[in-house]
C-alpha atoms as a PDB file:
ATOM      1  CA  MET A   1      -4.683  11.518  14.795  1.00  0.00           C
ATOM      2  CA  GLN A   2      -5.191  12.455  11.518  1.00  0.00           C
ATOM      3  CA  PRO A   3      -1.390  14.269  11.661  1.00  0.00           C
ATOM      4  CA  ILE A   4       0.207  11.375  12.667  1.00  0.00           C
ATOM      5  CA  LEU A   5      -1.305   9.293  10.002  1.00  0.00           C
ATOM      6  CA  LYS A   6      -0.871  11.658   7.454  1.00  0.00           C
ATOM      7  CA  LYS A   7       2.766  11.875   8.344  1.00  0.00           C
ATOM      8  CA  GLN A   8       3.390   8.104   8.416  1.00  0.00           C
ATOM      9  CA  TYR A   9       1.520   8.072   5.128  1.00  0.00           C
ATOM     10  CA  ILE A  10       3.694  10.328   3.416  1.00  0.00           C
ATOM     11  CA  ILE A  11       6.733   8.870   4.590  1.00  0.00           C
ATOM     12  CA  ILE A  12       5.845   5.633   3.143  1.00  0.00           C
ATOM     13  CA  VAL A  13       4.658   6.599  -0.105  1.00  0.00           C
ATOM     14  CA  LEU A  14       6.985   9.446  -0.870  1.00  0.00           C
ATOM     15  CA  PRO A  15      10.380   7.183  -1.636  1.00  0.00           C
ATOM     16  CA  ALA A  16       8.301   5.103  -3.873  1.00  0.00           C
ATOM     17  CA  ILE A  17       6.831   7.890  -5.703  1.00  0.00           C
ATOM     18  CA  SER A  18      10.844   9.272  -5.816  1.00  0.00           C
ATOM     19  CA  LEU A  19      11.782   5.967  -7.489  1.00  0.00           C
ATOM     20  CA  PHE A  20       9.395   6.128  -9.675  1.00  0.00           C
ATOM     21  CA  LEU A  21      10.568   9.669 -10.869  1.00  0.00           C
ATOM     22  CA  ALA A  22      14.191   8.849 -11.163  1.00  0.00           C
ATOM     23  CA  PHE A  23      13.429   5.717 -13.067  1.00  0.00           C
ATOM     24  CA  GLY A  24      11.336   7.608 -15.551  1.00  0.00           C
ATOM     25  CA  LEU A  25      14.411  10.433 -15.751  1.00  0.00           C
ATOM     26  CA  ALA A  26      16.535   8.098 -15.799  1.00  0.00           C
ATOM     27  CA  ARG A  27      14.671   6.102 -19.137  1.00  0.00           C
ATOM     28  CA  GLN A  28      13.533   9.620 -21.008  1.00  0.00           C
ATOM     29  CA  LEU A  29      17.888   9.978 -20.645  1.00  0.00           C
ATOM     30  CA  ASN A  30      19.010   6.267 -21.549  1.00  0.00           C
ATOM     31  CA  PHE A  31      20.585   5.285 -18.581  1.00  0.00           C
ATOM     32  CA  ILE A  32      18.294   2.708 -18.177  1.00  0.00           C
ATOM     33  CA  ARG A  33      17.261   0.357 -21.456  1.00  0.00           C
ATOM     34  CA  PRO A  34      13.918  -1.628 -22.005  1.00  0.00           C
ATOM     35  CA  GLY A  35      14.656  -4.976 -20.990  1.00  0.00           C
ATOM     36  CA  GLN A  36      17.737  -4.116 -19.187  1.00  0.00           C
ATOM     37  CA  PHE A  37      16.683  -5.804 -15.574  1.00  0.00           C
ATOM     38  CA  VAL A  38      15.050  -9.357 -16.576  1.00  0.00           C
ATOM     39  CA  ILE A  39      13.414 -11.654 -13.998  1.00  0.00           C
ATOM     40  CA  SER A  40      12.409 -15.363 -13.774  1.00  0.00           C
ATOM     41  CA  SER A  41       8.651 -15.067 -15.293  1.00  0.00           C
ATOM     42  CA  VAL A  42       7.656 -17.273 -12.280  1.00  0.00           C
ATOM     43  CA  LEU A  43       8.698 -13.933  -9.915  1.00  0.00           C
ATOM     44  CA  HIS A  44       5.664 -12.443 -12.015  1.00  0.00           C
ATOM     45  CA  SER A  45       2.990 -14.357 -10.747  1.00  0.00           C
ATOM     46  CA  VAL A  46       4.485 -14.030  -7.203  1.00  0.00           C
ATOM     47  CA  LEU A  47       4.868  -9.892  -7.524  1.00  0.00           C
ATOM     48  CA  PHE A  48       0.967  -9.880  -8.573  1.00  0.00           C
ATOM     49  CA  VAL A  49       0.079 -12.436  -5.852  1.00  0.00           C
ATOM     50  CA  LEU A  50       1.691 -10.540  -3.198  1.00  0.00           C
ATOM     51  CA  SER A  51       0.587  -6.898  -4.753  1.00  0.00           C
ATOM     52  CA  ALA A  52      -2.511  -8.489  -4.369  1.00  0.00           C
ATOM     53  CA  ILE A  53      -2.176  -9.534  -0.738  1.00  0.00           C
ATOM     54  CA  THR A  54      -0.761  -6.286   0.345  1.00  0.00           C
ATOM     55  CA  ALA A  55      -3.201  -4.126  -0.990  1.00  0.00           C
ATOM     56  CA  ILE A  56      -6.801  -5.985  -0.697  1.00  0.00           C
ATOM     57  CA  ALA A  57      -6.297  -9.458   1.541  1.00  0.00           C
ATOM     58  CA  GLY A  58      -3.811  -7.855   3.575  1.00  0.00           C
ATOM     59  CA  PRO A  59      -5.290  -4.836   4.942  1.00  0.00           C
ATOM     60  CA  LEU A  60      -9.144  -6.455   5.026  1.00  0.00           C
ATOM     61  CA  PHE A  61      -7.555  -9.222   7.396  1.00  0.00           C
ATOM     62  CA  LEU A  62      -5.890  -6.453   9.502  1.00  0.00           C
ATOM     63  CA  ARG A  63      -9.188  -4.936   9.660  1.00  0.00           C
ATOM     64  CA  THR A  64     -11.072  -8.241  10.771  1.00  0.00           C
ATOM     65  CA  LEU A  65      -8.933  -9.254  13.066  1.00  0.00           C
ATOM     66  CA  PHE A  66      -9.162  -5.728  14.733  1.00  0.00           C
ATOM     67  CA  ALA A  67     -12.824  -6.117  15.000  1.00  0.00           C
ATOM     68  CA  HIS A  68     -12.716  -9.514  16.257  1.00  0.00           C
ATOM     69  CA  SER A  69      -9.880  -8.144  19.335  1.00  0.00           C
ATOM     70  CA  MET A  70     -12.257  -5.156  19.928  1.00  0.00           C
ATOM     71  CA  ARG A  71     -15.612  -7.405  19.741  1.00  0.00           C
ATOM     72  CA  GLU A  72     -16.111  -7.703  23.213  1.00  0.00           C
ATOM     73  CA  LYS A  73     -15.564  -3.608  24.224  1.00  0.00           C
ATOM     74  CA  THR A  74     -18.034  -1.087  24.855  1.00  0.00           C
ATOM     75  CA  GLN A  75     -14.762   1.436  23.517  1.00  0.00           C
ATOM     76  CA  VAL A  76     -12.051   0.937  22.162  1.00  0.00           C
ATOM     77  CA  PRO A  77      -8.600   3.066  22.772  1.00  0.00           C
ATOM     78  CA  ALA A  78      -7.720   5.634  21.024  1.00  0.00           C
ATOM     79  CA  LYS A  79      -3.515   4.266  21.289  1.00  0.00           C
ATOM     80  CA  GLU A  80      -4.845   0.419  19.930  1.00  0.00           C
ATOM     81  CA  PHE A  81      -6.508   2.102  16.973  1.00  0.00           C
ATOM     82  CA  LEU A  82      -3.789   4.503  16.078  1.00  0.00           C
ATOM     83  CA  SER A  83      -1.768   0.987  15.965  1.00  0.00           C
ATOM     84  CA  PHE A  84      -4.106  -0.826  14.004  1.00  0.00           C
ATOM     85  CA  GLN A  85      -4.032   2.059  11.287  1.00  0.00           C
ATOM     86  CA  LYS A  86      -0.449   2.393  11.382  1.00  0.00           C
ATOM     87  CA  LYS A  87      -0.419  -1.632  11.113  1.00  0.00           C
ATOM     88  CA  ILE A  88      -3.080  -0.919   7.612  1.00  0.00           C
ATOM     89  CA  LEU A  89      -0.839   2.077   6.039  1.00  0.00           C
ATOM     90  CA  TRP A  90       2.230  -0.192   6.562  1.00  0.00           C
ATOM     91  CA  ILE A  91       0.814  -3.188   4.731  1.00  0.00           C
ATOM     92  CA  SER A  92      -0.929  -2.105   1.989  1.00  0.00           C
ATOM     93  CA  LEU A  93       1.398   0.789   0.895  1.00  0.00           C
ATOM     94  CA  ILE A  94       4.413  -1.853   0.276  1.00  0.00           C
ATOM     95  CA  THR A  95       2.564  -2.067  -3.103  1.00  0.00           C
ATOM     96  CA  PRO A  96       3.980   0.804  -4.355  1.00  0.00           C
ATOM     97  CA  TYR A  97       7.120  -0.769  -4.306  1.00  0.00           C
ATOM     98  CA  PHE A  98       6.100  -3.893  -5.861  1.00  0.00           C
ATOM     99  CA  ALA A  99       4.561  -1.534  -9.033  1.00  0.00           C
ATOM    100  CA  PHE A 100       7.913  -0.354  -9.282  1.00  0.00           C
ATOM    101  CA  ALA A 101       9.689  -3.239  -9.237  1.00  0.00           C
ATOM    102  CA  ALA A 102       7.145  -4.546 -12.030  1.00  0.00           C
ATOM    103  CA  VAL A 103       7.441  -1.422 -14.624  1.00  0.00           C
ATOM    104  CA  LEU A 104      11.507  -1.370 -13.770  1.00  0.00           C
ATOM    105  CA  CYS A 105      11.558  -5.427 -14.531  1.00  0.00           C
ATOM    106  CA  ASP A 106       9.283  -4.554 -17.638  1.00  0.00           C
ATOM    107  CA  PHE A 107       6.991  -7.209 -16.910  1.00  0.00           C
ATOM    108  CA  PRO A 108       4.367  -8.919 -19.453  1.00  0.00           C
ATOM    109  CA  ARG A 109       1.651  -6.258 -19.552  1.00  0.00           C
ATOM    110  CA  PHE A 110      -1.187  -8.092 -18.260  1.00  0.00           C
ATOM    111  CA  TYR A 111       0.866  -8.267 -14.665  1.00  0.00           C
ATOM    112  CA  ALA A 112       2.081  -4.771 -14.741  1.00  0.00           C
ATOM    113  CA  THR A 113      -0.790  -3.059 -15.359  1.00  0.00           C
ATOM    114  CA  ALA A 114      -2.499  -4.748 -12.465  1.00  0.00           C
ATOM    115  CA  ILE A 115       0.535  -4.572  -9.911  1.00  0.00           C
ATOM    116  CA  VAL A 116       0.416  -0.731 -11.025  1.00  0.00           C
ATOM    117  CA  LEU A 117      -3.917  -0.779 -10.975  1.00  0.00           C
ATOM    118  CA  MET A 118      -3.465  -2.516  -7.342  1.00  0.00           C
ATOM    119  CA  ALA A 119      -0.535   0.051  -6.138  1.00  0.00           C
ATOM    120  CA  LEU A 120      -2.449   3.054  -7.286  1.00  0.00           C
ATOM    121  CA  TYR A 121      -5.840   1.501  -5.290  1.00  0.00           C
ATOM    122  CA  ALA A 122      -4.016   1.432  -1.999  1.00  0.00           C
ATOM    123  CA  VAL A 123      -2.466   4.652  -2.021  1.00  0.00           C
ATOM    124  CA  TYR A 124      -5.808   5.980  -3.082  1.00  0.00           C
ATOM    125  CA  TYR A 125      -7.925   4.222  -0.540  1.00  0.00           C
ATOM    126  CA  TYR A 126      -5.686   4.423   2.365  1.00  0.00           C
ATOM    127  CA  PHE A 127      -5.449   7.601   2.406  1.00  0.00           C
ATOM    128  CA  PRO A 128      -5.720   9.145   5.842  1.00  0.00           C
ATOM    129  CA  SER A 129      -8.439  11.270   5.187  1.00  0.00           C
ATOM    130  CA  GLN A 130     -10.581  13.050   7.957  1.00  0.00           C
ATOM    131  CA  LYS A 131     -13.405  11.552   6.758  1.00  0.00           C
ATOM    132  CA  ARG A 132     -12.430   7.865   6.696  1.00  0.00           C
ATOM    133  CA  ILE A 133     -11.281   8.224  10.060  1.00  0.00           C
ATOM    134  CA  ASP A 134     -14.217   9.758  11.515  1.00  0.00           C
ATOM    135  CA  PHE A 135     -16.023   6.427   9.707  1.00  0.00           C
ATOM    136  CA  ASP A 136     -13.304   3.859  10.881  1.00  0.00           C
ATOM    137  CA  ARG A 137     -13.872   5.711  14.703  1.00  0.00           C
ATOM    138  CA  LYS A 138     -17.480   5.300  14.425  1.00  0.00           C
ATOM    139  CA  ILE A 139     -17.809   1.761  13.430  1.00  0.00           C
ATOM    140  CA  PHE A 140     -15.048   0.762  16.046  1.00  0.00           C
ATOM    141  CA  ARG A 141     -16.516   2.727  18.966  1.00  0.00           C
ATOM    142  CA  VAL A 142     -12.818   4.293  19.549  1.00  0.00           C
ATOM    143  CA  LYS A 143     -13.250   7.226  22.615  1.00  0.00           C
END
């Protein structure tokens, strides 16, 4: 199960990391100037809230729904558990893309920093380590 989730994790995170590296290189070579991409200030708040939803609230909500749907079962099928873990990865790992947008569009420092911190949290916390998977398998009684 861990190799499947790690592969999924890498497939989702690698493009975001590549975007950050390409952007940093483009800035260093002066292909992109600060302030070149400007968006409405309303979108700063919207992206901040969306980042909080995808990094924190969304995965927590999915976890609660999964626990609620499996509460009557004595054992949870591994296939359903894997599907649940994949959904959490998809939801949480949208946040690094929001962080890229915040950095690209030169958001005010508060919003950019908060969004980047939420992205780092999502990338770190939802990494499918064997320890975390074993802990979740134990909690959800996966066979």
